[in-house]
Amino acid sequence: MSYVLIPGAGGSADYWHLLVDELRRRGRDVVAVDLPAADDTAALPEYAATVRAAIGARRDVTLVAQSLGAFTAALVADDPQVTMLVLVNPMIPAPGETPGQWWEATGHAQARAAYAAAQGRPPSDHVDLTVDFFHDVPEAVVARITADAPDESAAVFTRPNPLRRWPDVPTRVVTGRDDRFFPADFQRRLARERLGVDVDVLPGGHLVALSQPQRLADQLDAYRAPTTTATPPT
């Protein structure tokens, strides 16, 4: 059994470095994929081809995708070696929907503003990396991740999405309880509407692999345990 990890916006495999270390410590085979996110000629088909190449000859693959990575994962999960798909704080796509269309189609802005107001934070269209993403990530980890962070080309948001139907593979959704960018209730609604599944909630914000790598590893291993379906105790 192997884990193949797909990053979110920016496409850097380094996003997963703490989870990779934790899974390897447990004896798991794991590879984190670098996507050609800064390439203006690359979009979802090229991202998917990169992930398929990373899967290679691996068998019994659990595909794990962060945020924007869900769009790529949906295109790869029909690979016969993929036996489970795990979406982490995901942008769950509808067939044919581009990442650029997703925001308005899902009501993301309204959900994000409502959650900010409920927390006593002023709603804002502006994305503040510290407030929205790194609020629960250790400073040393933030420094590493932001030191050479790649830019995401606009191409992936505008070019067509070739997804025609959701792949027929067991799919799980992991939601950060403290996610300020994709609030938990928003993710729960989207998972039910688009996948017909409920979410498993873990402590942590949008970048849960950086703030809670051990808990995320516990959850991934629990999914693969034959008789275990519930979220591990928190």
C-alpha atoms as a PDB file:
ATOM      1  CA  MET A   1       0.000   0.000   0.000  1.00  0.00           C
ATOM      2  CA  SER A   2       1.260   3.469  -0.922  1.00  0.00           C
ATOM      3  CA  TYR A   3       0.301   7.073  -0.336  1.00  0.00           C
ATOM      4  CA  VAL A   4       0.619   9.566  -3.196  1.00  0.00           C
ATOM      5  CA  LEU A   5       0.223  13.155  -2.021  1.00  0.00           C
ATOM      6  CA  ILE A   6      -0.993  15.988  -4.265  1.00  0.00           C
ATOM      7  CA  PRO A   7      -0.367  19.566  -3.077  1.00  0.00           C
ATOM      8  CA  GLY A   8      -2.698  22.517  -3.377  1.00  0.00           C
ATOM      9  CA  ALA A   9      -2.040  25.913  -4.951  1.00  0.00           C
ATOM     10  CA  GLY A  10       1.627  26.491  -5.662  1.00  0.00           C
ATOM     11  CA  GLY A  11       2.124  22.813  -6.403  1.00  0.00           C
ATOM     12  CA  SER A  12       5.016  22.266  -3.996  1.00  0.00           C
ATOM     13  CA  ALA A  13       5.598  18.761  -2.667  1.00  0.00           C
ATOM     14  CA  ASP A  14       7.295  20.390   0.326  1.00  0.00           C
ATOM     15  CA  TYR A  15       3.856  21.254   1.713  1.00  0.00           C
ATOM     16  CA  TRP A  16       3.660  17.587   2.732  1.00  0.00           C
ATOM     17  CA  HIS A  17       7.134  17.251   4.277  1.00  0.00           C
ATOM     18  CA  LEU A  18       5.946  16.745   7.872  1.00  0.00           C
ATOM     19  CA  LEU A  19       3.313  14.199   6.854  1.00  0.00           C
ATOM     20  CA  VAL A  20       5.823  12.382   4.649  1.00  0.00           C
ATOM     21  CA  ASP A  21       8.211  12.120   7.589  1.00  0.00           C
ATOM     22  CA  GLU A  22       5.445  10.854   9.877  1.00  0.00           C
ATOM     23  CA  LEU A  23       4.179   8.244   7.422  1.00  0.00           C
ATOM     24  CA  ARG A  24       7.678   6.993   6.636  1.00  0.00           C
ATOM     25  CA  ARG A  25       8.376   6.716  10.357  1.00  0.00           C
ATOM     26  CA  ARG A  26       5.435   4.291  10.413  1.00  0.00           C
ATOM     27  CA  GLY A  27       6.922   2.268   7.574  1.00  0.00           C
ATOM     28  CA  ARG A  28       4.588   3.534   4.846  1.00  0.00           C
ATOM     29  CA  ASP A  29       5.549   3.982   1.213  1.00  0.00           C
ATOM     30  CA  VAL A  30       4.791   7.606   0.369  1.00  0.00           C
ATOM     31  CA  VAL A  31       5.607  10.061  -2.397  1.00  0.00           C
ATOM     32  CA  ALA A  32       4.717  13.748  -2.533  1.00  0.00           C
ATOM     33  CA  VAL A  33       4.298  15.154  -6.033  1.00  0.00           C
ATOM     34  CA  ASP A  34       5.664  18.451  -7.346  1.00  0.00           C
ATOM     35  CA  LEU A  35       3.206  19.918  -9.853  1.00  0.00           C
ATOM     36  CA  PRO A  36       4.203  22.286 -12.709  1.00  0.00           C
ATOM     37  CA  ALA A  37       2.121  25.021 -11.094  1.00  0.00           C
ATOM     38  CA  ALA A  38       4.265  27.954 -12.240  1.00  0.00           C
ATOM     39  CA  ASP A  39       4.158  26.832 -15.881  1.00  0.00           C
ATOM     40  CA  ASP A  40       1.719  28.943 -17.889  1.00  0.00           C
ATOM     41  CA  THR A  41       1.383  26.124 -20.423  1.00  0.00           C
ATOM     42  CA  ALA A  42       0.326  23.575 -17.795  1.00  0.00           C
ATOM     43  CA  ALA A  43      -3.121  23.066 -16.296  1.00  0.00           C
ATOM     44  CA  LEU A  44      -5.224  20.168 -15.019  1.00  0.00           C
ATOM     45  CA  PRO A  45      -4.354  17.623 -17.761  1.00  0.00           C
ATOM     46  CA  GLU A  46      -0.637  18.232 -17.237  1.00  0.00           C
ATOM     47  CA  TYR A  47      -1.022  18.097 -13.455  1.00  0.00           C
ATOM     48  CA  ALA A  48      -2.841  14.777 -13.792  1.00  0.00           C
ATOM     49  CA  ALA A  49      -0.126  13.366 -16.062  1.00  0.00           C
ATOM     50  CA  THR A  50       2.495  14.328 -13.478  1.00  0.00           C
ATOM     51  CA  VAL A  51       0.623  12.476 -10.742  1.00  0.00           C
ATOM     52  CA  ARG A  52       0.085   9.404 -12.916  1.00  0.00           C
ATOM     53  CA  ALA A  53       3.830   9.306 -13.541  1.00  0.00           C
ATOM     54  CA  ALA A  54       4.443   9.459  -9.785  1.00  0.00           C
ATOM     55  CA  ILE A  55       2.072   6.532  -9.219  1.00  0.00           C
ATOM     56  CA  GLY A  56       4.057   4.509 -11.725  1.00  0.00           C
ATOM     57  CA  ALA A  57       4.116   0.833 -10.757  1.00  0.00           C
ATOM     58  CA  ARG A  58       2.820   1.405  -7.226  1.00  0.00           C
ATOM     59  CA  ARG A  59      -0.183  -0.687  -6.225  1.00  0.00           C
ATOM     60  CA  ASP A  60      -3.028  -0.158  -3.779  1.00  0.00           C
ATOM     61  CA  VAL A  61      -2.558   3.609  -3.849  1.00  0.00           C
ATOM     62  CA  THR A  62      -4.306   6.020  -1.520  1.00  0.00           C
ATOM     63  CA  LEU A  63      -4.392   9.336  -3.347  1.00  0.00           C
ATOM     64  CA  VAL A  64      -4.367  12.278  -0.915  1.00  0.00           C
ATOM     65  CA  ALA A  65      -5.110  15.770  -2.246  1.00  0.00           C
ATOM     66  CA  GLN A  66      -4.960  19.156  -0.541  1.00  0.00           C
ATOM     67  CA  SER A  67      -7.366  21.991  -1.443  1.00  0.00           C
ATOM     68  CA  LEU A  68      -6.950  22.809  -5.178  1.00  0.00           C
ATOM     69  CA  GLY A  69      -5.330  19.393  -5.564  1.00  0.00           C
ATOM     70  CA  ALA A  70      -8.804  17.830  -5.479  1.00  0.00           C
ATOM     71  CA  PHE A  71      -9.283  18.919  -9.097  1.00  0.00           C
ATOM     72  CA  THR A  72      -6.209  16.944 -10.134  1.00  0.00           C
ATOM     73  CA  ALA A  73      -7.073  13.978  -7.926  1.00  0.00           C
ATOM     74  CA  ALA A  74     -10.487  13.616  -9.538  1.00  0.00           C
ATOM     75  CA  LEU A  75      -8.792  13.173 -12.918  1.00  0.00           C
ATOM     76  CA  VAL A  76      -6.299  10.595 -11.636  1.00  0.00           C
ATOM     77  CA  ALA A  77      -8.487   8.488  -9.354  1.00  0.00           C
ATOM     78  CA  ASP A  78      -9.675   6.324 -12.255  1.00  0.00           C
ATOM     79  CA  ASP A  79      -6.181   4.807 -12.359  1.00  0.00           C
ATOM     80  CA  PRO A  80      -6.666   1.096 -11.581  1.00  0.00           C
ATOM     81  CA  GLN A  81      -3.949   1.286  -8.926  1.00  0.00           C
ATOM     82  CA  VAL A  82      -5.883   3.913  -6.927  1.00  0.00           C
ATOM     83  CA  THR A  83      -8.034   2.210  -4.305  1.00  0.00           C
ATOM     84  CA  MET A  84      -8.964   5.216  -2.173  1.00  0.00           C
ATOM     85  CA  LEU A  85      -9.187   8.985  -2.573  1.00  0.00           C
ATOM     86  CA  VAL A  86      -8.754  11.295   0.425  1.00  0.00           C
ATOM     87  CA  LEU A  87      -9.519  14.989  -0.034  1.00  0.00           C
ATOM     88  CA  VAL A  88      -8.123  17.366   2.598  1.00  0.00           C
ATOM     89  CA  ASN A  89      -9.839  20.759   2.999  1.00  0.00           C
ATOM     90  CA  PRO A  90     -10.729  20.357  -0.654  1.00  0.00           C
ATOM     91  CA  MET A  91     -12.089  22.303  -3.560  1.00  0.00           C
ATOM     92  CA  ILE A  92     -14.475  19.528  -4.596  1.00  0.00           C
ATOM     93  CA  PRO A  93     -15.098  19.939  -8.332  1.00  0.00           C
ATOM     94  CA  ALA A  94     -18.264  19.337 -10.261  1.00  0.00           C
ATOM     95  CA  PRO A  95     -17.785  17.684 -13.671  1.00  0.00           C
ATOM     96  CA  GLY A  96     -16.563  20.232 -16.203  1.00  0.00           C
ATOM     97  CA  GLU A  97     -16.218  22.986 -13.622  1.00  0.00           C
ATOM     98  CA  THR A  98     -12.953  24.931 -13.705  1.00  0.00           C
ATOM     99  CA  PRO A  99     -11.185  26.034 -10.533  1.00  0.00           C
ATOM    100  CA  GLY A 100     -11.961  29.597 -11.555  1.00  0.00           C
ATOM    101  CA  GLN A 101     -15.695  28.858 -11.702  1.00  0.00           C
ATOM    102  CA  TRP A 102     -15.698  26.945  -8.409  1.00  0.00           C
ATOM    103  CA  TRP A 103     -15.629  29.965  -6.101  1.00  0.00           C
ATOM    104  CA  GLU A 104     -18.891  31.524  -7.240  1.00  0.00           C
ATOM    105  CA  ALA A 105     -20.615  28.206  -7.918  1.00  0.00           C
ATOM    106  CA  THR A 106     -20.079  27.040  -4.333  1.00  0.00           C
ATOM    107  CA  GLY A 107     -20.847  30.298  -2.521  1.00  0.00           C
ATOM    108  CA  HIS A 108     -17.360  30.342  -1.030  1.00  0.00           C
ATOM    109  CA  ALA A 109     -17.119  34.097  -0.453  1.00  0.00           C
ATOM    110  CA  GLN A 110     -20.363  34.200   1.507  1.00  0.00           C
ATOM    111  CA  ALA A 111     -19.372  31.191   3.629  1.00  0.00           C
ATOM    112  CA  ARG A 112     -15.953  32.628   4.392  1.00  0.00           C
ATOM    113  CA  ALA A 113     -17.398  36.022   5.334  1.00  0.00           C
ATOM    114  CA  ALA A 114     -20.042  34.467   7.582  1.00  0.00           C
ATOM    115  CA  TYR A 115     -17.427  32.395   9.405  1.00  0.00           C
ATOM    116  CA  ALA A 116     -15.177  35.415   9.921  1.00  0.00           C
ATOM    117  CA  ALA A 117     -18.084  37.403  11.353  1.00  0.00           C
ATOM    118  CA  ALA A 118     -19.035  34.528  13.658  1.00  0.00           C
ATOM    119  CA  GLN A 119     -15.469  34.531  14.994  1.00  0.00           C
ATOM    120  CA  GLY A 120     -15.475  38.284  15.520  1.00  0.00           C
ATOM    121  CA  ARG A 121     -13.087  38.928  12.631  1.00  0.00           C
ATOM    122  CA  PRO A 122     -13.943  41.573  10.020  1.00  0.00           C
ATOM    123  CA  PRO A 123     -15.019  39.908   6.758  1.00  0.00           C
ATOM    124  CA  SER A 124     -12.690  40.744   3.900  1.00  0.00           C
ATOM    125  CA  ASP A 125     -12.267  39.815   0.260  1.00  0.00           C
ATOM    126  CA  HIS A 126      -8.515  40.129   0.819  1.00  0.00           C
ATOM    127  CA  VAL A 127      -6.580  36.951   1.542  1.00  0.00           C
ATOM    128  CA  ASP A 128      -4.131  37.391   4.410  1.00  0.00           C
ATOM    129  CA  LEU A 129      -1.769  34.420   4.467  1.00  0.00           C
ATOM    130  CA  THR A 130      -1.060  34.779   8.175  1.00  0.00           C
ATOM    131  CA  VAL A 131      -4.696  35.155   9.205  1.00  0.00           C
ATOM    132  CA  ASP A 132      -6.281  32.734   6.751  1.00  0.00           C
ATOM    133  CA  PHE A 133      -3.643  30.022   6.349  1.00  0.00           C
ATOM    134  CA  PHE A 134      -0.791  30.137   8.858  1.00  0.00           C
ATOM    135  CA  HIS A 135      -2.654  31.064  12.045  1.00  0.00           C
ATOM    136  CA  ASP A 136      -2.062  27.636  13.602  1.00  0.00           C
ATOM    137  CA  VAL A 137       1.211  26.645  11.907  1.00  0.00           C
ATOM    138  CA  PRO A 138       4.490  26.806  13.899  1.00  0.00           C
ATOM    139  CA  GLU A 139       6.654  29.802  12.969  1.00  0.00           C
ATOM    140  CA  ALA A 140       9.620  27.671  11.912  1.00  0.00           C
ATOM    141  CA  VAL A 141       7.406  25.721   9.528  1.00  0.00           C
ATOM    142  CA  VAL A 142       5.933  28.929   8.094  1.00  0.00           C
ATOM    143  CA  ALA A 143       9.449  30.238   7.470  1.00  0.00           C
ATOM    144  CA  ARG A 144      10.385  27.091   5.558  1.00  0.00           C
ATOM    145  CA  ILE A 145       7.226  26.979   3.469  1.00  0.00           C
ATOM    146  CA  THR A 146       7.281  30.670   2.532  1.00  0.00           C
ATOM    147  CA  ALA A 147      11.032  30.936   1.874  1.00  0.00           C
ATOM    148  CA  ASP A 148      10.770  29.872  -1.755  1.00  0.00           C
ATOM    149  CA  ALA A 149       7.054  29.465  -2.334  1.00  0.00           C
ATOM    150  CA  PRO A 150       6.234  29.003  -6.031  1.00  0.00           C
ATOM    151  CA  ASP A 151       3.524  31.043  -7.718  1.00  0.00           C
ATOM    152  CA  GLU A 152       0.456  29.359  -9.182  1.00  0.00           C
ATOM    153  CA  SER A 153      -0.130  30.183 -12.836  1.00  0.00           C
ATOM    154  CA  ALA A 154      -3.595  31.437 -13.725  1.00  0.00           C
ATOM    155  CA  ALA A 155      -3.789  28.749 -16.417  1.00  0.00           C
ATOM    156  CA  VAL A 156      -5.170  26.071 -14.093  1.00  0.00           C
ATOM    157  CA  PHE A 157      -8.066  28.328 -13.099  1.00  0.00           C
ATOM    158  CA  THR A 158      -9.165  29.173 -16.631  1.00  0.00           C
ATOM    159  CA  ARG A 159      -8.393  26.229 -18.886  1.00  0.00           C
ATOM    160  CA  PRO A 160     -11.081  23.532 -19.329  1.00  0.00           C
ATOM    161  CA  ASN A 161     -11.564  20.775 -16.806  1.00  0.00           C
ATOM    162  CA  PRO A 162     -11.857  17.438 -18.661  1.00  0.00           C
ATOM    163  CA  LEU A 163     -13.611  15.716 -15.727  1.00  0.00           C
ATOM    164  CA  ARG A 164     -16.872  14.199 -17.008  1.00  0.00           C
ATOM    165  CA  ARG A 165     -17.977  12.269 -13.933  1.00  0.00           C
ATOM    166  CA  TRP A 166     -16.704  11.587 -10.466  1.00  0.00           C
ATOM    167  CA  PRO A 167     -14.446   8.504 -10.372  1.00  0.00           C
ATOM    168  CA  ASP A 168     -15.879   5.312  -8.926  1.00  0.00           C
ATOM    169  CA  VAL A 169     -13.470   4.993  -5.999  1.00  0.00           C
ATOM    170  CA  PRO A 170     -14.077   5.195  -2.236  1.00  0.00           C
ATOM    171  CA  THR A 171     -13.706   8.858  -1.305  1.00  0.00           C
ATOM    172  CA  ARG A 172     -13.163  10.445   2.093  1.00  0.00           C
ATOM    173  CA  VAL A 173     -13.064  14.119   3.061  1.00  0.00           C
ATOM    174  CA  VAL A 174     -10.904  15.459   5.888  1.00  0.00           C
ATOM    175  CA  THR A 175     -11.896  18.883   7.180  1.00  0.00           C
ATOM    176  CA  GLY A 176      -9.907  21.169   9.447  1.00  0.00           C
ATOM    177  CA  ARG A 177     -12.158  22.259  12.291  1.00  0.00           C
ATOM    178  CA  ASP A 178     -10.411  25.640  12.390  1.00  0.00           C
ATOM    179  CA  ASP A 179     -10.110  26.254   8.646  1.00  0.00           C
ATOM    180  CA  ARG A 180     -10.722  29.957   8.072  1.00  0.00           C
ATOM    181  CA  PHE A 181     -10.484  29.809   4.290  1.00  0.00           C
ATOM    182  CA  PHE A 182     -12.842  26.874   3.699  1.00  0.00           C
ATOM    183  CA  PRO A 183     -14.956  26.820   6.880  1.00  0.00           C
ATOM    184  CA  ALA A 184     -15.936  23.391   8.169  1.00  0.00           C
ATOM    185  CA  ASP A 185     -19.682  23.887   7.651  1.00  0.00           C
ATOM    186  CA  PHE A 186     -19.026  24.998   4.068  1.00  0.00           C
ATOM    187  CA  GLN A 187     -16.933  21.891   3.418  1.00  0.00           C
ATOM    188  CA  ARG A 188     -19.560  19.674   5.025  1.00  0.00           C
ATOM    189  CA  ARG A 189     -22.284  21.076   2.757  1.00  0.00           C
ATOM    190  CA  LEU A 190     -20.180  20.719  -0.365  1.00  0.00           C
ATOM    191  CA  ALA A 191     -19.157  17.144   0.457  1.00  0.00           C
ATOM    192  CA  ARG A 192     -22.779  16.143   0.931  1.00  0.00           C
ATOM    193  CA  GLU A 193     -24.022  17.948  -2.171  1.00  0.00           C
ATOM    194  CA  ARG A 194     -21.286  16.857  -4.560  1.00  0.00           C
ATOM    195  CA  LEU A 195     -20.106  13.512  -3.194  1.00  0.00           C
ATOM    196  CA  GLY A 196     -22.904  12.336  -0.924  1.00  0.00           C
ATOM    197  CA  VAL A 197     -20.451  11.831   1.942  1.00  0.00           C
ATOM    198  CA  ASP A 198     -19.903  13.382   5.340  1.00  0.00           C
ATOM    199  CA  VAL A 199     -16.593  14.844   6.441  1.00  0.00           C
ATOM    200  CA  ASP A 200     -14.182  13.716   9.137  1.00  0.00           C
ATOM    201  CA  VAL A 201     -13.180  16.711  11.231  1.00  0.00           C
ATOM    202  CA  LEU A 202      -9.690  17.117  12.686  1.00  0.00           C
ATOM    203  CA  PRO A 203      -8.251  19.968  14.750  1.00  0.00           C
ATOM    204  CA  GLY A 204      -6.376  22.417  12.572  1.00  0.00           C
ATOM    205  CA  GLY A 205      -6.775  25.032   9.895  1.00  0.00           C
ATOM    206  CA  HIS A 206      -6.500  24.949   6.125  1.00  0.00           C
ATOM    207  CA  LEU A 207      -2.903  23.701   6.159  1.00  0.00           C
ATOM    208  CA  VAL A 208      -3.589  20.795   8.477  1.00  0.00           C
ATOM    209  CA  ALA A 209      -0.660  18.760   7.157  1.00  0.00           C
ATOM    210  CA  LEU A 210       1.617  21.462   8.564  1.00  0.00           C
ATOM    211  CA  SER A 211      -0.181  22.069  11.851  1.00  0.00           C
ATOM    212  CA  GLN A 212      -1.376  18.528  12.673  1.00  0.00           C
ATOM    213  CA  PRO A 213       0.722  16.024  10.685  1.00  0.00           C
ATOM    214  CA  GLN A 214       0.470  13.249  13.265  1.00  0.00           C
ATOM    215  CA  ARG A 215      -3.309  13.503  13.550  1.00  0.00           C
ATOM    216  CA  LEU A 216      -3.627  13.540   9.776  1.00  0.00           C
ATOM    217  CA  ALA A 217      -1.417  10.459   9.530  1.00  0.00           C
ATOM    218  CA  ASP A 218      -3.593   8.767  12.161  1.00  0.00           C
ATOM    219  CA  GLN A 219      -6.671   9.543  10.081  1.00  0.00           C
ATOM    220  CA  LEU A 220      -5.125   8.240   6.872  1.00  0.00           C
ATOM    221  CA  ASP A 221      -4.068   5.017   8.543  1.00  0.00           C
ATOM    222  CA  ALA A 222      -7.536   4.664  10.074  1.00  0.00           C
ATOM    223  CA  TYR A 223      -9.089   4.841   6.618  1.00  0.00           C
ATOM    224  CA  ARG A 224      -6.887   1.978   5.494  1.00  0.00           C
ATOM    225  CA  ALA A 225      -7.564  -0.208   8.530  1.00  0.00           C
ATOM    226  CA  PRO A 226     -10.121  -2.836   7.361  1.00  0.00           C
ATOM    227  CA  THR A 227     -12.437  -2.538  10.361  1.00  0.00           C
ATOM    228  CA  THR A 228     -11.975   1.134  11.203  1.00  0.00           C
ATOM    229  CA  THR A 229     -14.213   3.831   9.763  1.00  0.00           C
ATOM    230  CA  ALA A 230     -14.487   6.440  12.502  1.00  0.00           C
ATOM    231  CA  THR A 231     -12.258   9.422  13.090  1.00  0.00           C
ATOM    232  CA  PRO A 232      -9.513   8.605  15.618  1.00  0.00           C
ATOM    233  CA  PRO A 233     -10.018  10.114  19.091  1.00  0.00           C
ATOM    234  CA  THR A 234      -8.842  13.715  19.368  1.00  0.00           C
END
